[in-house]
Amino acid sequence: MQPFRQVVTSDFDAVNQLIIDELRSDVGLVEQIGHYLIDAGGKRLRPLLVLLVAQACAYKGKGHINLAVIIEFIHSATLLHDDVVDTSEMRRGRFTANAQWGNPSSVLVGDFLYSRAFQMLVGLGSMEIMGILADTTNIISEGEVQQLINAKDPSVTEQDYLEVIRGKTAQLFEGAASAAAVLASADPEQQNAMKDYGYNIGMAFQLVDDALDYRGDAQKLGKNVGDDLAEGKATLPLIHAMRNGSDADADFVRQAIRAGSTEQLDSIIRIINTTGGIDYTLKTASDYVSKAKDCLSQLPDSPYKQALEQLADFSVSRNH
């Protein structure tokens, strides 16, 4: 277990139990798919972020457990919907829910998880937190739609790409950290700092994910290397390669994006490595992590603040 998880072990146990409790449904397939997705594990960084930020802001109640589960349910709902949109067959080393039960069931159980999250949110009794997460889910949807629009388009710029990952990934990290600080009644400076911390960690996390798609190990990643290229996504390693490679190499990458094909994946990876696309992407991620760690100056010293620093470092040092 990573050190940054150890400081909230008991909280995480409570989160896992509440997840089981809140997945109960009179419709068996809802429970079956919900448990299948949750039991697959994953890093659970978003609920972890809720727990750490709340504790770092000296929260004394139990509402952060509920908030962590709310964030995990929202995230799980987006995964179910994403896998349908992307026609993915593998996630976290297992068949996706849509590969097992079909697209209609996956979409509808994703809807169940969204609605259960907002049922739980009402129970927290905070209009401010409800507003944060309502805006968050709306922005995530916009980010996913924009990514769909950008698919198989090699003219996507670095700024276009960063705007998409801000919406589809960083926004939930930001919302989780922001809501946790509000729950803890942190002062306005701390609330803003935690919001910015979440945003920067989320950006770094997605950038590293996109780098690993061309450098990672499929077994560790839990998905196939090159999945982004198969979906025609012009991520930063490819954008940098097109911008800095030879005319022939840049055109080769453009054709692969338009085709959404991994037939020439080895050649694409060679071009990315030759142009320094992975290094550039990881350097960009490191810049976001540095900004995230700067935000922590607003917090008093504590084991939870130290854990947030370690979480920032992990977001760029991980290999899966």
Protein backbone atom coordinates (compact mmCIF):
# COMPACT_ATOMS: atom_id res chain seq x y z
CA MET A 1 0.00 0.00 0.00
CA GLN A 2 1.32 3.45 -0.92
CA PRO A 3 2.14 5.66 2.09
CA PHE A 4 -0.44 8.27 1.07
CA ARG A 5 -3.19 5.66 1.44
CA GLN A 6 -2.07 4.44 4.84
CA VAL A 7 -3.09 7.63 6.68
CA VAL A 8 -6.75 7.09 5.74
CA THR A 9 -6.93 3.28 5.95
CA SER A 10 -9.89 3.25 8.33
CA ASP A 11 -11.70 5.86 6.25
CA PHE A 12 -11.15 3.75 3.13
CA ASP A 13 -12.58 0.70 4.87
CA ALA A 14 -15.69 2.75 5.65
CA VAL A 15 -15.87 3.94 2.02
CA ASN A 16 -15.70 0.37 0.70
CA GLN A 17 -18.47 -0.76 3.05
CA LEU A 18 -20.68 2.17 2.09
CA ILE A 19 -20.14 1.41 -1.59
CA ILE A 20 -21.49 -2.11 -1.00
CA ASP A 21 -24.44 -0.77 0.99
CA GLU A 22 -25.38 1.85 -1.61
CA LEU A 23 -25.18 -0.57 -4.55
CA ARG A 24 -28.17 -2.47 -3.23
CA SER A 25 -31.08 -2.57 -5.65
CA ASP A 26 -34.26 -4.59 -6.18
CA VAL A 27 -33.05 -5.15 -9.74
CA GLY A 28 -30.42 -7.88 -9.67
CA LEU A 29 -28.62 -6.81 -12.84
CA VAL A 30 -27.99 -3.36 -11.37
CA GLU A 31 -26.19 -4.89 -8.39
CA GLN A 32 -24.36 -7.40 -10.58
CA ILE A 33 -22.90 -4.83 -12.97
CA GLY A 34 -22.26 -2.32 -10.21
CA HIS A 35 -20.30 -4.84 -8.16
CA TYR A 36 -18.45 -6.08 -11.24
CA LEU A 37 -17.17 -2.58 -11.95
CA ILE A 38 -16.38 -1.66 -8.34
CA ASP A 39 -14.76 -5.02 -7.54
CA ALA A 40 -12.34 -4.54 -10.44
CA GLY A 41 -10.51 -2.17 -8.12
CA GLY A 42 -8.63 0.64 -9.80
CA LYS A 43 -6.59 3.31 -8.08
CA ARG A 44 -9.58 5.02 -6.43
CA LEU A 45 -7.61 8.28 -6.46
CA ARG A 46 -10.69 10.48 -6.61
CA PRO A 47 -12.32 9.21 -3.41
CA LEU A 48 -8.86 9.14 -1.84
CA LEU A 49 -8.52 12.82 -2.71
CA VAL A 50 -11.78 13.56 -0.88
CA LEU A 51 -10.58 11.78 2.26
CA LEU A 52 -7.14 13.44 2.29
CA VAL A 53 -8.38 16.97 1.57
CA ALA A 54 -11.13 16.76 4.18
CA GLN A 55 -8.69 15.52 6.82
CA ALA A 56 -6.01 18.02 5.80
CA CYS A 57 -8.59 20.78 6.33
CA ALA A 58 -9.30 19.41 9.84
CA TYR A 59 -12.75 17.98 9.14
CA LYS A 60 -14.22 16.21 12.17
CA GLY A 61 -17.41 14.62 10.86
CA LYS A 62 -18.29 11.53 8.84
CA GLY A 63 -19.71 13.20 5.75
CA HIS A 64 -16.41 12.80 3.88
CA ILE A 65 -17.08 9.06 3.69
CA ASN A 66 -20.36 9.72 1.87
CA LEU A 67 -18.73 12.33 -0.35
CA ALA A 68 -15.95 9.91 -1.31
CA VAL A 69 -18.54 7.30 -2.35
CA ILE A 70 -20.48 9.94 -4.30
CA ILE A 71 -17.33 10.81 -6.24
CA GLU A 72 -16.55 7.13 -6.88
CA PHE A 73 -20.08 6.51 -8.18
CA ILE A 74 -19.88 9.50 -10.52
CA HIS A 75 -16.53 8.26 -11.79
CA SER A 76 -17.82 4.70 -12.23
CA ALA A 77 -20.83 5.99 -14.16
CA THR A 78 -18.54 7.85 -16.57
CA LEU A 79 -16.48 4.67 -17.07
CA LEU A 80 -19.57 2.65 -18.00
CA HIS A 81 -20.65 5.30 -20.48
CA ASP A 82 -17.12 5.83 -21.86
CA ASP A 83 -16.63 2.16 -22.60
CA VAL A 84 -19.83 2.14 -24.62
CA VAL A 85 -18.85 5.25 -26.57
CA ASP A 86 -15.31 3.98 -27.17
CA THR A 87 -16.46 0.39 -27.83
CA SER A 88 -13.80 -0.71 -25.34
CA GLU A 89 -13.51 -4.38 -24.41
CA MET A 90 -10.87 -4.26 -21.65
CA ARG A 91 -10.59 -2.15 -18.49
CA ARG A 92 -8.54 -2.86 -15.38
CA GLY A 93 -7.44 -6.16 -16.88
CA ARG A 94 -10.97 -7.54 -17.33
CA PHE A 95 -13.70 -7.44 -19.93
CA THR A 96 -15.68 -4.21 -19.76
CA ALA A 97 -19.27 -4.32 -18.54
CA ASN A 98 -20.56 -3.60 -22.05
CA ALA A 99 -18.52 -6.53 -23.39
CA GLN A 100 -20.12 -8.75 -20.74
CA TRP A 101 -23.72 -7.51 -20.65
CA GLY A 102 -24.12 -5.29 -23.71
CA ASN A 103 -24.36 -1.57 -24.29
CA PRO A 104 -27.95 -0.95 -23.12
CA SER A 105 -27.34 -2.50 -19.70
CA SER A 106 -24.08 -0.60 -19.24
CA VAL A 107 -25.65 2.75 -20.10
CA LEU A 108 -28.62 2.21 -17.80
CA VAL A 109 -26.52 1.04 -14.85
CA GLY A 110 -24.31 4.07 -15.42
CA ASP A 111 -27.48 6.16 -15.10
CA PHE A 112 -28.31 4.32 -11.88
CA LEU A 113 -24.90 5.16 -10.40
CA TYR A 114 -25.30 8.83 -11.36
CA SER A 115 -28.74 9.02 -9.77
CA ARG A 116 -27.63 7.14 -6.66
CA ALA A 117 -24.75 9.60 -6.29
CA PHE A 118 -27.17 12.52 -6.34
CA GLN A 119 -29.51 10.78 -3.89
CA MET A 120 -26.58 10.55 -1.51
CA LEU A 121 -25.62 14.13 -2.28
CA VAL A 122 -29.02 15.33 -1.10
CA GLY A 123 -28.32 13.55 2.17
CA LEU A 124 -25.23 15.70 2.73
CA GLY A 125 -27.52 18.73 2.88
CA SER A 126 -25.12 21.21 1.29
CA MET A 127 -26.39 23.28 -1.63
CA GLU A 128 -22.84 24.54 -2.23
CA ILE A 129 -21.45 21.03 -2.65
CA MET A 130 -24.44 20.05 -4.77
CA GLY A 131 -23.73 23.03 -7.01
CA ILE A 132 -20.06 22.08 -7.34
CA LEU A 133 -20.87 18.51 -8.38
CA ALA A 134 -23.76 19.49 -10.64
CA ASP A 135 -21.37 21.78 -12.52
CA THR A 136 -18.71 19.08 -12.46
CA THR A 137 -20.89 16.41 -14.10
CA ASN A 138 -22.05 18.90 -16.72
CA ILE A 139 -18.50 19.88 -17.65
CA ILE A 140 -17.42 16.22 -17.77
CA SER A 141 -20.19 15.52 -20.29
CA GLU A 142 -19.10 18.48 -22.42
CA GLY A 143 -15.51 17.24 -22.34
CA GLU A 144 -16.54 13.78 -23.47
CA VAL A 145 -18.64 15.18 -26.31
CA GLN A 146 -15.76 17.41 -27.44
CA GLN A 147 -13.41 14.43 -27.41
CA LEU A 148 -15.90 12.58 -29.61
CA ILE A 149 -15.98 15.54 -32.01
CA ASN A 150 -12.16 15.61 -32.10
CA ALA A 151 -11.82 11.89 -32.87
CA LYS A 152 -9.85 11.07 -36.02
CA ASP A 153 -8.97 14.74 -36.47
CA PRO A 154 -5.17 15.21 -36.76
CA SER A 155 -5.53 19.03 -36.76
CA VAL A 156 -6.34 19.05 -33.01
CA THR A 157 -3.91 21.44 -31.32
CA GLU A 158 -2.21 21.08 -27.96
CA GLN A 159 -4.58 23.69 -26.53
CA ASP A 160 -7.58 21.80 -27.91
CA TYR A 161 -6.28 18.63 -26.31
CA LEU A 162 -5.64 20.27 -22.92
CA GLU A 163 -9.15 21.71 -22.94
CA VAL A 164 -10.64 18.25 -23.51
CA ILE A 165 -8.71 16.59 -20.70
CA ARG A 166 -9.56 19.49 -18.41
CA GLY A 167 -13.22 18.62 -18.88
CA LYS A 168 -13.25 14.85 -19.10
CA THR A 169 -10.66 14.10 -16.39
CA ALA A 170 -9.34 17.06 -14.39
CA GLN A 171 -12.82 18.38 -13.63
CA LEU A 172 -13.75 15.45 -11.36
CA PHE A 173 -10.46 15.71 -9.46
CA GLU A 174 -11.12 19.43 -9.07
CA GLY A 175 -14.71 18.87 -7.99
CA ALA A 176 -13.69 16.20 -5.47
CA ALA A 177 -11.04 18.36 -3.83
CA SER A 178 -13.19 21.49 -3.90
CA ALA A 179 -16.23 19.75 -2.40
CA ALA A 180 -14.11 18.18 0.34
CA ALA A 181 -12.70 21.57 1.34
CA VAL A 182 -16.20 23.06 1.43
CA LEU A 183 -17.43 20.12 3.52
CA ALA A 184 -14.61 20.79 5.99
CA SER A 185 -15.57 24.50 6.20
CA ALA A 186 -12.06 25.46 5.14
CA ASP A 187 -11.35 29.17 4.76
CA PRO A 188 -11.75 30.69 1.27
CA GLU A 189 -8.00 30.63 0.56
CA GLN A 190 -7.79 26.94 1.39
CA GLN A 191 -10.89 26.16 -0.64
CA ASN A 192 -9.42 27.86 -3.71
CA ALA A 193 -6.06 26.17 -3.14
CA MET A 194 -7.65 22.71 -2.90
CA LYS A 195 -9.72 23.35 -6.01
CA ASP A 196 -6.54 24.27 -7.91
CA TYR A 197 -4.68 21.30 -6.42
CA GLY A 198 -7.36 18.92 -7.70
CA TYR A 199 -7.33 20.49 -11.15
CA ASN A 200 -3.56 20.24 -11.50
CA ILE A 201 -3.42 16.66 -10.22
CA GLY A 202 -6.17 15.70 -12.66
CA MET A 203 -4.34 17.24 -15.62
CA ALA A 204 -1.12 15.47 -14.66
CA PHE A 205 -2.93 12.17 -14.19
CA GLN A 206 -4.46 12.22 -17.69
CA LEU A 207 -1.22 13.34 -19.32
CA VAL A 208 0.62 10.39 -17.77
CA ASP A 209 -2.20 8.06 -18.86
CA ASP A 210 -1.79 9.29 -22.42
CA ALA A 211 1.98 8.81 -22.28
CA LEU A 212 1.60 5.28 -20.91
CA ASP A 213 -0.69 4.43 -23.81
CA TYR A 214 2.46 4.38 -25.96
CA ARG A 215 4.98 3.21 -23.41
CA GLY A 216 3.16 1.14 -20.79
CA ASP A 217 2.77 -2.57 -20.26
CA ALA A 218 -0.66 -3.89 -21.28
CA GLN A 219 -0.83 -6.25 -18.30
CA LYS A 220 -0.10 -3.45 -15.83
CA LEU A 221 -2.30 -0.94 -17.63
CA GLY A 222 -5.24 -3.32 -17.72
CA LYS A 223 -5.93 -2.31 -21.31
CA ASN A 224 -4.24 -2.62 -24.68
CA VAL A 225 -1.31 -0.36 -25.53
CA GLY A 226 -2.33 1.91 -28.39
CA ASP A 227 -6.02 2.05 -27.47
CA ASP A 228 -6.03 5.84 -27.91
CA LEU A 229 -4.74 5.53 -31.46
CA ALA A 230 -7.33 2.85 -32.22
CA GLU A 231 -10.00 5.39 -31.21
CA GLY A 232 -8.40 8.12 -33.34
CA LYS A 233 -7.49 10.29 -30.35
CA ALA A 234 -4.86 12.94 -31.07
CA THR A 235 -3.24 12.94 -27.62
CA LEU A 236 -0.18 14.98 -26.68
CA PRO A 237 2.48 12.39 -27.67
CA LEU A 238 1.02 12.36 -31.19
CA ILE A 239 0.49 16.12 -31.34
CA HIS A 240 4.13 16.69 -30.35
CA ALA A 241 5.31 14.08 -32.89
CA MET A 242 3.40 15.76 -35.73
CA ARG A 243 4.70 19.16 -34.70
CA ASN A 244 8.37 18.12 -34.44
CA GLY A 245 8.80 15.17 -36.79
CA SER A 246 9.81 15.19 -40.43
CA ASP A 247 7.14 15.94 -43.00
CA ALA A 248 6.94 12.24 -43.86
CA ASP A 249 6.67 11.16 -40.23
CA ALA A 250 4.07 13.83 -39.44
CA ASP A 251 1.98 12.73 -42.43
CA PHE A 252 2.31 9.09 -41.34
CA VAL A 253 0.93 9.97 -37.90
CA ARG A 254 -1.90 12.02 -39.40
CA GLN A 255 -2.97 9.09 -41.57
CA ALA A 256 -2.97 6.75 -38.55
CA ILE A 257 -5.17 9.16 -36.57
CA ARG A 258 -7.62 9.51 -39.46
CA ALA A 259 -7.79 5.74 -39.85
CA GLY A 260 -8.05 5.03 -36.12
CA SER A 261 -5.80 2.05 -36.72
CA THR A 262 -3.00 0.37 -34.73
CA GLU A 263 -1.70 -1.64 -37.67
CA GLN A 264 1.42 0.55 -37.76
CA LEU A 265 1.67 0.99 -33.98
CA ASP A 266 5.37 0.07 -33.81
CA SER A 267 6.21 2.73 -36.39
CA ILE A 268 4.07 5.31 -34.58
CA ILE A 269 5.84 4.54 -31.29
CA ARG A 270 9.19 4.91 -33.04
CA ILE A 271 8.19 8.35 -34.34
CA ILE A 272 6.93 9.40 -30.91
CA ASN A 273 10.20 8.32 -29.29
CA THR A 274 12.33 9.94 -31.99
CA THR A 275 10.58 13.28 -31.55
CA GLY A 276 10.57 13.11 -27.75
CA GLY A 277 6.78 12.94 -27.51
CA ILE A 278 6.73 10.86 -24.32
CA ASP A 279 9.32 13.05 -22.58
CA TYR A 280 7.45 16.19 -23.55
CA THR A 281 4.16 14.79 -22.27
CA LEU A 282 5.68 13.71 -18.96
CA LYS A 283 7.43 17.08 -18.59
CA THR A 284 4.08 18.81 -19.09
CA ALA A 285 2.58 16.53 -16.43
CA SER A 286 5.44 17.37 -14.04
CA ASP A 287 4.76 21.08 -14.51
CA TYR A 288 1.16 20.55 -13.39
CA VAL A 289 2.34 18.54 -10.39
CA SER A 290 4.65 21.37 -9.35
CA LYS A 291 1.70 23.75 -9.44
CA ALA A 292 -0.38 21.28 -7.41
CA LYS A 293 2.29 21.04 -4.70
CA ASP A 294 2.53 24.83 -4.53
CA CYS A 295 -1.18 24.89 -3.61
CA LEU A 296 -0.45 22.89 -0.46
CA SER A 297 1.30 25.87 1.15
CA GLN A 298 -2.17 27.00 2.25
CA LEU A 299 -2.56 23.95 4.50
CA PRO A 300 -1.17 23.47 8.01
CA ASP A 301 1.45 20.76 8.40
CA SER A 302 -0.05 17.32 9.01
CA PRO A 303 0.30 13.71 7.86
CA TYR A 304 -2.56 14.42 5.44
CA LYS A 305 -0.75 17.34 3.83
CA GLN A 306 2.31 15.11 3.46
CA ALA A 307 0.11 12.44 1.87
CA LEU A 308 -1.21 14.98 -0.64
CA GLU A 309 2.40 15.79 -1.59
CA GLN A 310 3.10 12.07 -2.04
CA LEU A 311 -0.06 11.68 -4.12
CA ALA A 312 1.15 14.47 -6.41
CA ASP A 313 4.49 12.72 -6.91
CA PHE A 314 2.76 9.37 -7.54
CA SER A 315 0.61 10.85 -10.28
CA VAL A 316 3.69 11.28 -12.48
CA SER A 317 5.93 8.45 -11.27
CA ARG A 318 3.41 5.63 -11.76
CA ASN A 319 3.74 3.01 -14.49
CA HIS A 320 0.06 2.03 -14.72
